């Protein structure tokens, strides 16, 4: 089955490191200000999930939520969570590490779209 979000090995390694350091984590791609379209990593429970935040999948053991308004634009693509060098989202757990989570994407094929469950 095709997944809406996957992670590179580099991202999975960082997720494991952050879980070791902080405990259970979660990702949010919100519709807010400040780095709202960037993947933000928080300790689970440190960010209020609203009624319009959709659980689109998990990366490692971490749930990944996306605000419905962003999902409208991204629903035809598979998100690929990666890590890049540099300062990322200011409130995200990895921001002090000199690296940042980053999203790449690819368009789903017609066959893959037919397999996706409705959110």
C-alpha atoms as a PDB file:
ATOM      1  CA  UNK A   1       0.000   0.000   0.000  1.00  0.00           C
ATOM      2  CA  UNK A   2       1.246   3.459  -0.876  1.00  0.00           C
ATOM      3  CA  UNK A   3       1.820   5.924   1.967  1.00  0.00           C
ATOM      4  CA  UNK A   4       1.091   9.650   1.991  1.00  0.00           C
ATOM      5  CA  UNK A   5       4.315  10.391   3.856  1.00  0.00           C
ATOM      6  CA  UNK A   6       7.650   8.578   3.933  1.00  0.00           C
ATOM      7  CA  UNK A   7      11.041   9.506   5.354  1.00  0.00           C
ATOM      8  CA  UNK A   8      14.595   9.222   4.121  1.00  0.00           C
ATOM      9  CA  UNK A   9      17.137   7.240   6.153  1.00  0.00           C
ATOM     10  CA  UNK A  10      18.674  10.546   7.235  1.00  0.00           C
ATOM     11  CA  UNK A  11      15.301  11.737   8.560  1.00  0.00           C
ATOM     12  CA  UNK A  12      14.629   8.424  10.316  1.00  0.00           C
ATOM     13  CA  UNK A  13      18.023   8.620  12.023  1.00  0.00           C
ATOM     14  CA  UNK A  14      17.275  12.148  13.265  1.00  0.00           C
ATOM     15  CA  UNK A  15      13.806  11.079  14.433  1.00  0.00           C
ATOM     16  CA  UNK A  16      15.397   8.274  16.492  1.00  0.00           C
ATOM     17  CA  UNK A  17      17.933  10.702  17.980  1.00  0.00           C
ATOM     18  CA  UNK A  18      15.217  13.212  18.902  1.00  0.00           C
ATOM     19  CA  UNK A  19      13.068  10.476  20.462  1.00  0.00           C
ATOM     20  CA  UNK A  20      16.022   9.334  22.546  1.00  0.00           C
ATOM     21  CA  UNK A  21      16.620  12.915  23.697  1.00  0.00           C
ATOM     22  CA  UNK A  22      13.007  14.141  24.097  1.00  0.00           C
ATOM     23  CA  UNK A  23      10.717  11.108  24.253  1.00  0.00           C
ATOM     24  CA  UNK A  24       7.784  10.599  21.863  1.00  0.00           C
ATOM     25  CA  UNK A  25       7.601  13.222  19.111  1.00  0.00           C
ATOM     26  CA  UNK A  26       5.112  14.377  16.503  1.00  0.00           C
ATOM     27  CA  UNK A  27       5.169  16.437  13.311  1.00  0.00           C
ATOM     28  CA  UNK A  28       2.809  19.243  12.356  1.00  0.00           C
ATOM     29  CA  UNK A  29       2.581  21.127   9.092  1.00  0.00           C
ATOM     30  CA  UNK A  30       0.141  23.808  10.171  1.00  0.00           C
ATOM     31  CA  UNK A  31      -1.547  26.727   8.489  1.00  0.00           C
ATOM     32  CA  UNK A  32      -0.222  29.206  11.018  1.00  0.00           C
ATOM     33  CA  UNK A  33       2.268  31.974  10.680  1.00  0.00           C
ATOM     34  CA  UNK A  34       6.016  31.785  11.243  1.00  0.00           C
ATOM     35  CA  UNK A  35       7.192  28.575   9.494  1.00  0.00           C
ATOM     36  CA  UNK A  36       3.628  27.317   9.031  1.00  0.00           C
ATOM     37  CA  UNK A  37       4.330  25.428   5.827  1.00  0.00           C
ATOM     38  CA  UNK A  38       7.494  23.791   7.185  1.00  0.00           C
ATOM     39  CA  UNK A  39       7.404  20.451   8.990  1.00  0.00           C
ATOM     40  CA  UNK A  40       7.582  21.244  12.698  1.00  0.00           C
ATOM     41  CA  UNK A  41       8.733  18.601  15.184  1.00  0.00           C
ATOM     42  CA  UNK A  42       7.405  18.750  18.759  1.00  0.00           C
ATOM     43  CA  UNK A  43       7.267  16.495  21.791  1.00  0.00           C
ATOM     44  CA  UNK A  44       3.933  14.685  21.646  1.00  0.00           C
ATOM     45  CA  UNK A  45       1.400  16.797  23.499  1.00  0.00           C
ATOM     46  CA  UNK A  46       3.330  20.076  23.143  1.00  0.00           C
ATOM     47  CA  UNK A  47       1.203  21.197  20.179  1.00  0.00           C
ATOM     48  CA  UNK A  48      -2.568  21.361  20.221  1.00  0.00           C
ATOM     49  CA  UNK A  49      -4.011  19.383  17.306  1.00  0.00           C
ATOM     50  CA  UNK A  50      -7.060  21.198  15.995  1.00  0.00           C
ATOM     51  CA  UNK A  51     -10.189  19.854  14.365  1.00  0.00           C
ATOM     52  CA  UNK A  52      -8.827  20.751  10.905  1.00  0.00           C
ATOM     53  CA  UNK A  53      -5.473  18.994  11.371  1.00  0.00           C
ATOM     54  CA  UNK A  54      -5.415  15.678   9.511  1.00  0.00           C
ATOM     55  CA  UNK A  55      -3.274  12.706  10.473  1.00  0.00           C
ATOM     56  CA  UNK A  56      -1.745  11.836   7.103  1.00  0.00           C
ATOM     57  CA  UNK A  57       0.593   9.108   8.326  1.00  0.00           C
ATOM     58  CA  UNK A  58       3.573   8.313  10.494  1.00  0.00           C
ATOM     59  CA  UNK A  59       7.315   8.630  10.009  1.00  0.00           C
ATOM     60  CA  UNK A  60       9.204   6.235  12.204  1.00  0.00           C
ATOM     61  CA  UNK A  61       6.952   6.155  15.260  1.00  0.00           C
ATOM     62  CA  UNK A  62       5.979   9.815  14.958  1.00  0.00           C
ATOM     63  CA  UNK A  63       2.525  10.890  13.781  1.00  0.00           C
ATOM     64  CA  UNK A  64       2.509  13.503  10.989  1.00  0.00           C
ATOM     65  CA  UNK A  65      -0.366  16.008  10.947  1.00  0.00           C
ATOM     66  CA  UNK A  66      -1.170  18.495   8.216  1.00  0.00           C
ATOM     67  CA  UNK A  67      -3.705  21.291   8.313  1.00  0.00           C
ATOM     68  CA  UNK A  68      -6.597  20.711   5.936  1.00  0.00           C
ATOM     69  CA  UNK A  69      -5.787  23.873   3.942  1.00  0.00           C
ATOM     70  CA  UNK A  70      -2.273  22.584   3.168  1.00  0.00           C
ATOM     71  CA  UNK A  71      -3.563  19.098   2.475  1.00  0.00           C
ATOM     72  CA  UNK A  72      -5.800  20.524  -0.260  1.00  0.00           C
ATOM     73  CA  UNK A  73      -2.641  21.460  -2.180  1.00  0.00           C
ATOM     74  CA  UNK A  74      -0.524  18.413  -1.292  1.00  0.00           C
ATOM     75  CA  UNK A  75      -3.117  15.621  -1.549  1.00  0.00           C
ATOM     76  CA  UNK A  76      -1.941  14.511  -4.997  1.00  0.00           C
ATOM     77  CA  UNK A  77       1.639  14.024  -3.846  1.00  0.00           C
ATOM     78  CA  UNK A  78       3.611  11.716  -1.630  1.00  0.00           C
ATOM     79  CA  UNK A  79       5.538  13.747   0.924  1.00  0.00           C
ATOM     80  CA  UNK A  80       9.140  12.768   1.558  1.00  0.00           C
ATOM     81  CA  UNK A  81      10.534  13.969   4.881  1.00  0.00           C
ATOM     82  CA  UNK A  82      14.252  14.675   4.617  1.00  0.00           C
ATOM     83  CA  UNK A  83      16.951  16.549   6.523  1.00  0.00           C
ATOM     84  CA  UNK A  84      19.011  19.472   5.215  1.00  0.00           C
ATOM     85  CA  UNK A  85      21.785  21.542   6.747  1.00  0.00           C
ATOM     86  CA  UNK A  86      20.920  24.960   8.132  1.00  0.00           C
ATOM     87  CA  UNK A  87      18.465  26.610  10.459  1.00  0.00           C
ATOM     88  CA  UNK A  88      14.943  25.307  10.089  1.00  0.00           C
ATOM     89  CA  UNK A  89      11.686  26.184  11.765  1.00  0.00           C
ATOM     90  CA  UNK A  90      12.437  28.141  14.926  1.00  0.00           C
ATOM     91  CA  UNK A  91      10.173  26.151  17.274  1.00  0.00           C
ATOM     92  CA  UNK A  92      10.989  22.708  15.887  1.00  0.00           C
ATOM     93  CA  UNK A  93      13.005  20.362  18.129  1.00  0.00           C
ATOM     94  CA  UNK A  94      15.849  19.956  15.638  1.00  0.00           C
ATOM     95  CA  UNK A  95      16.379  23.723  15.255  1.00  0.00           C
ATOM     96  CA  UNK A  96      19.277  23.746  17.735  1.00  0.00           C
ATOM     97  CA  UNK A  97      21.098  20.960  15.873  1.00  0.00           C
ATOM     98  CA  UNK A  98      22.105  23.043  12.812  1.00  0.00           C
ATOM     99  CA  UNK A  99      19.912  20.883  10.578  1.00  0.00           C
ATOM    100  CA  UNK A 100      16.286  21.046   9.564  1.00  0.00           C
ATOM    101  CA  UNK A 101      13.508  18.741   8.483  1.00  0.00           C
ATOM    102  CA  UNK A 102      12.510  19.473   4.897  1.00  0.00           C
ATOM    103  CA  UNK A 103       9.711  18.215   2.643  1.00  0.00           C
ATOM    104  CA  UNK A 104      10.146  16.977  -0.909  1.00  0.00           C
ATOM    105  CA  UNK A 105       7.286  15.508  -2.874  1.00  0.00           C
ATOM    106  CA  UNK A 106       6.409  13.471  -5.909  1.00  0.00           C
ATOM    107  CA  UNK A 107       3.098  13.192  -7.715  1.00  0.00           C
ATOM    108  CA  UNK A 108       1.158   9.972  -7.175  1.00  0.00           C
ATOM    109  CA  UNK A 109       0.437   7.851 -10.233  1.00  0.00           C
ATOM    110  CA  UNK A 110      -3.208   7.186 -11.113  1.00  0.00           C
ATOM    111  CA  UNK A 111      -2.850   3.661  -9.732  1.00  0.00           C
ATOM    112  CA  UNK A 112      -1.422   4.939  -6.448  1.00  0.00           C
ATOM    113  CA  UNK A 113      -4.185   7.541  -6.081  1.00  0.00           C
ATOM    114  CA  UNK A 114      -6.773   4.788  -6.461  1.00  0.00           C
ATOM    115  CA  UNK A 115      -5.190   2.906  -3.513  1.00  0.00           C
ATOM    116  CA  UNK A 116      -5.156   5.881  -1.117  1.00  0.00           C
ATOM    117  CA  UNK A 117      -7.724   5.889   1.669  1.00  0.00           C
ATOM    118  CA  UNK A 118      -9.837   9.017   1.990  1.00  0.00           C
ATOM    119  CA  UNK A 119      -8.913  11.306   4.863  1.00  0.00           C
END
